[in-house]
Amino acid sequence: MLVLSRQRDESIIIGDNVVVTIVDIRGDKVRLGIEAPKEVPVHRQEVYEAIRREAAKARSDAPDAAASGDAK
């Protein structure tokens, strides 16, 4: 893990097209602004994990093509 020190209004660049800016610091909370192309998903970790759980559940609940008679 790369650890960087930044102050308010300073940014870091990820790749060529993602910019993370420190917007505000209040006590132990840091507000980040993230600029990324629309095709790059940006989620909080807990939201990302919930999306992955739901996708895995949907895959496991989906009927198998061979079991449904669609296999050739």
N, C-alpha and C. Protein backbone atom coordinates (compact mmCIF):
# COMPACT_ATOMS: atom_id res chain seq x y z
N MET A 1 0.85 -1.18 0.00
CA MET A 1 0.00 0.00 0.00
C MET A 1 0.89 1.24 0.00
N LEU A 2 0.56 2.14 -0.88
CA LEU A 2 1.24 3.43 -0.93
C LEU A 2 0.53 4.38 0.02
N VAL A 3 1.28 5.02 0.90
CA VAL A 3 0.70 5.98 1.84
C VAL A 3 1.26 7.36 1.51
N LEU A 4 0.36 8.30 1.27
CA LEU A 4 0.76 9.66 0.92
C LEU A 4 0.18 10.66 1.91
N SER A 5 0.89 11.72 2.14
CA SER A 5 0.37 12.84 2.94
C SER A 5 -0.09 13.92 1.98
N ARG A 6 -1.29 14.41 2.17
CA ARG A 6 -1.84 15.48 1.35
C ARG A 6 -2.56 16.46 2.24
N GLN A 7 -2.61 17.69 1.84
CA GLN A 7 -3.37 18.71 2.55
C GLN A 7 -4.61 19.06 1.73
N ARG A 8 -5.50 19.81 2.35
CA ARG A 8 -6.72 20.20 1.65
C ARG A 8 -6.40 20.87 0.32
N ASP A 9 -7.19 20.54 -0.68
CA ASP A 9 -7.06 21.05 -2.05
C ASP A 9 -5.87 20.47 -2.81
N GLU A 10 -5.18 19.49 -2.24
CA GLU A 10 -4.13 18.80 -2.97
C GLU A 10 -4.69 17.50 -3.53
N SER A 11 -4.08 17.00 -4.60
CA SER A 11 -4.61 15.84 -5.31
C SER A 11 -3.55 14.79 -5.52
N ILE A 12 -4.02 13.60 -5.87
CA ILE A 12 -3.16 12.55 -6.39
C ILE A 12 -3.79 12.08 -7.71
N ILE A 13 -2.97 11.61 -8.60
CA ILE A 13 -3.42 11.14 -9.91
C ILE A 13 -3.21 9.63 -9.95
N ILE A 14 -4.24 8.91 -10.38
CA ILE A 14 -4.15 7.45 -10.54
C ILE A 14 -4.30 7.17 -12.03
N GLY A 15 -3.27 6.54 -12.60
CA GLY A 15 -3.29 6.32 -14.04
C GLY A 15 -3.29 7.66 -14.76
N ASP A 16 -3.94 7.68 -15.92
CA ASP A 16 -4.01 8.92 -16.70
C ASP A 16 -5.31 9.67 -16.52
N ASN A 17 -6.30 9.05 -15.83
CA ASN A 17 -7.61 9.67 -15.88
C ASN A 17 -8.41 9.65 -14.58
N VAL A 18 -7.76 9.37 -13.45
CA VAL A 18 -8.46 9.42 -12.16
C VAL A 18 -7.71 10.40 -11.25
N VAL A 19 -8.45 11.38 -10.73
CA VAL A 19 -7.88 12.38 -9.84
C VAL A 19 -8.63 12.32 -8.52
N VAL A 20 -7.89 12.17 -7.43
CA VAL A 20 -8.46 12.16 -6.08
C VAL A 20 -7.97 13.42 -5.38
N THR A 21 -8.91 14.26 -4.94
CA THR A 21 -8.57 15.53 -4.31
C THR A 21 -9.09 15.55 -2.87
N ILE A 22 -8.27 16.04 -1.94
CA ILE A 22 -8.70 16.23 -0.57
C ILE A 22 -9.56 17.49 -0.56
N VAL A 23 -10.85 17.32 -0.29
CA VAL A 23 -11.79 18.44 -0.32
C VAL A 23 -11.88 19.12 1.03
N ASP A 24 -11.90 18.33 2.11
CA ASP A 24 -12.08 18.90 3.44
C ASP A 24 -11.56 17.92 4.47
N ILE A 25 -11.10 18.45 5.59
CA ILE A 25 -10.65 17.64 6.72
C ILE A 25 -11.33 18.20 7.95
N ARG A 26 -12.11 17.37 8.63
CA ARG A 26 -12.81 17.80 9.86
C ARG A 26 -12.58 16.73 10.91
N GLY A 27 -11.75 17.02 11.89
CA GLY A 27 -11.45 16.04 12.93
C GLY A 27 -10.82 14.81 12.32
N ASP A 28 -11.47 13.65 12.53
CA ASP A 28 -10.91 12.40 12.01
C ASP A 28 -11.55 11.99 10.69
N LYS A 29 -12.28 12.91 10.04
CA LYS A 29 -12.92 12.62 8.75
C LYS A 29 -12.27 13.42 7.64
N VAL A 30 -12.08 12.75 6.52
CA VAL A 30 -11.51 13.38 5.33
C VAL A 30 -12.53 13.24 4.21
N ARG A 31 -12.83 14.34 3.54
CA ARG A 31 -13.74 14.29 2.39
C ARG A 31 -12.90 14.30 1.13
N LEU A 32 -13.19 13.34 0.26
CA LEU A 32 -12.45 13.19 -0.98
C LEU A 32 -13.34 13.54 -2.16
N GLY A 33 -12.76 14.18 -3.15
CA GLY A 33 -13.42 14.37 -4.43
C GLY A 33 -12.73 13.48 -5.43
N ILE A 34 -13.51 12.74 -6.22
CA ILE A 34 -12.93 11.80 -7.17
C ILE A 34 -13.44 12.13 -8.56
N GLU A 35 -12.51 12.40 -9.47
CA GLU A 35 -12.84 12.63 -10.87
C GLU A 35 -12.37 11.42 -11.65
N ALA A 36 -13.32 10.75 -12.32
CA ALA A 36 -12.98 9.56 -13.10
C ALA A 36 -13.93 9.49 -14.29
N PRO A 37 -13.52 8.83 -15.37
CA PRO A 37 -14.43 8.65 -16.50
C PRO A 37 -15.67 7.87 -16.07
N LYS A 38 -16.78 8.10 -16.76
CA LYS A 38 -18.04 7.44 -16.40
C LYS A 38 -17.93 5.92 -16.44
N GLU A 39 -17.06 5.37 -17.28
CA GLU A 39 -16.93 3.92 -17.38
C GLU A 39 -16.12 3.30 -16.24
N VAL A 40 -15.53 4.14 -15.39
CA VAL A 40 -14.77 3.65 -14.23
C VAL A 40 -15.69 3.71 -13.01
N PRO A 41 -16.09 2.54 -12.48
CA PRO A 41 -16.96 2.57 -11.30
C PRO A 41 -16.20 3.05 -10.07
N VAL A 42 -16.84 3.89 -9.27
CA VAL A 42 -16.24 4.39 -8.04
C VAL A 42 -17.27 4.16 -6.92
N HIS A 43 -16.91 3.36 -5.93
CA HIS A 43 -17.81 3.03 -4.83
C HIS A 43 -17.05 3.08 -3.52
N ARG A 44 -17.78 3.34 -2.42
CA ARG A 44 -17.21 3.11 -1.09
C ARG A 44 -17.02 1.60 -0.95
N GLN A 45 -16.07 1.18 -0.14
CA GLN A 45 -15.75 -0.24 -0.01
C GLN A 45 -16.96 -1.07 0.40
N GLU A 46 -17.75 -0.59 1.36
CA GLU A 46 -18.89 -1.39 1.82
C GLU A 46 -19.95 -1.53 0.74
N VAL A 47 -20.10 -0.52 -0.11
CA VAL A 47 -21.05 -0.61 -1.22
C VAL A 47 -20.52 -1.59 -2.26
N TYR A 48 -19.24 -1.51 -2.58
CA TYR A 48 -18.62 -2.43 -3.54
C TYR A 48 -18.79 -3.88 -3.09
N GLU A 49 -18.54 -4.14 -1.80
CA GLU A 49 -18.68 -5.50 -1.29
C GLU A 49 -20.12 -5.98 -1.37
N ALA A 50 -21.09 -5.11 -1.11
CA ALA A 50 -22.50 -5.48 -1.21
C ALA A 50 -22.86 -5.80 -2.67
N ILE A 51 -22.36 -5.02 -3.60
CA ILE A 51 -22.60 -5.28 -5.03
C ILE A 51 -22.03 -6.64 -5.41
N ARG A 52 -20.82 -6.93 -4.97
CA ARG A 52 -20.20 -8.23 -5.29
C ARG A 52 -20.98 -9.39 -4.68
N ARG A 53 -21.46 -9.22 -3.44
CA ARG A 53 -22.26 -10.28 -2.81
C ARG A 53 -23.54 -10.54 -3.59
N GLU A 54 -24.20 -9.46 -3.99
CA GLU A 54 -25.44 -9.60 -4.76
C GLU A 54 -25.19 -10.26 -6.11
N ALA A 55 -24.10 -9.90 -6.77
CA ALA A 55 -23.77 -10.50 -8.06
C ALA A 55 -23.47 -11.99 -7.89
N ALA A 56 -22.74 -12.34 -6.85
CA ALA A 56 -22.43 -13.75 -6.60
C ALA A 56 -23.71 -14.53 -6.29
N LYS A 57 -24.61 -13.92 -5.53
CA LYS A 57 -25.88 -14.57 -5.20
C LYS A 57 -26.71 -14.77 -6.45
N ALA A 58 -26.74 -13.77 -7.32
CA ALA A 58 -27.51 -13.87 -8.57
C ALA A 58 -26.95 -14.98 -9.45
N ARG A 59 -25.62 -15.10 -9.50
CA ARG A 59 -25.01 -16.18 -10.29
C ARG A 59 -25.35 -17.54 -9.72
N SER A 60 -25.32 -17.67 -8.40
CA SER A 60 -25.60 -18.97 -7.79
C SER A 60 -27.09 -19.32 -7.86
N ASP A 61 -27.96 -18.31 -7.94
CA ASP A 61 -29.40 -18.54 -8.04
C ASP A 61 -29.84 -18.79 -9.48
N ALA A 62 -29.03 -18.41 -10.46
CA ALA A 62 -29.40 -18.56 -11.87
C ALA A 62 -29.45 -20.04 -12.23
N PRO A 63 -30.49 -20.47 -12.93
CA PRO A 63 -30.57 -21.88 -13.33
C PRO A 63 -29.46 -22.21 -14.31
N ASP A 64 -28.91 -23.38 -14.18
CA ASP A 64 -27.85 -23.87 -15.08
C ASP A 64 -28.47 -24.12 -16.46
N ALA A 65 -27.80 -23.70 -17.53
CA ALA A 65 -28.35 -23.87 -18.89
C ALA A 65 -28.60 -25.34 -19.19
N ALA A 66 -27.73 -26.23 -18.75
CA ALA A 66 -27.91 -27.67 -19.01
C ALA A 66 -29.12 -28.22 -18.26
N ALA A 67 -29.36 -27.70 -17.07
CA ALA A 67 -30.50 -28.18 -16.28
C ALA A 67 -31.82 -27.69 -16.84
N SER A 68 -31.81 -26.56 -17.56
CA SER A 68 -33.04 -26.00 -18.08
C SER A 68 -33.40 -26.54 -19.46
N GLY A 69 -32.54 -27.40 -20.02
CA GLY A 69 -32.84 -28.00 -21.32
C GLY A 69 -32.35 -27.17 -22.48
N ASP A 70 -31.56 -26.12 -22.24
CA ASP A 70 -31.06 -25.27 -23.31
C ASP A 70 -29.76 -25.78 -23.90
N ALA A 71 -29.17 -26.81 -23.33
CA ALA A 71 -27.89 -27.32 -23.81
C ALA A 71 -28.10 -28.06 -25.13
N LYS A 72 -27.09 -27.97 -26.00
CA LYS A 72 -27.19 -28.64 -27.30
C LYS A 72 -26.21 -29.75 -27.41
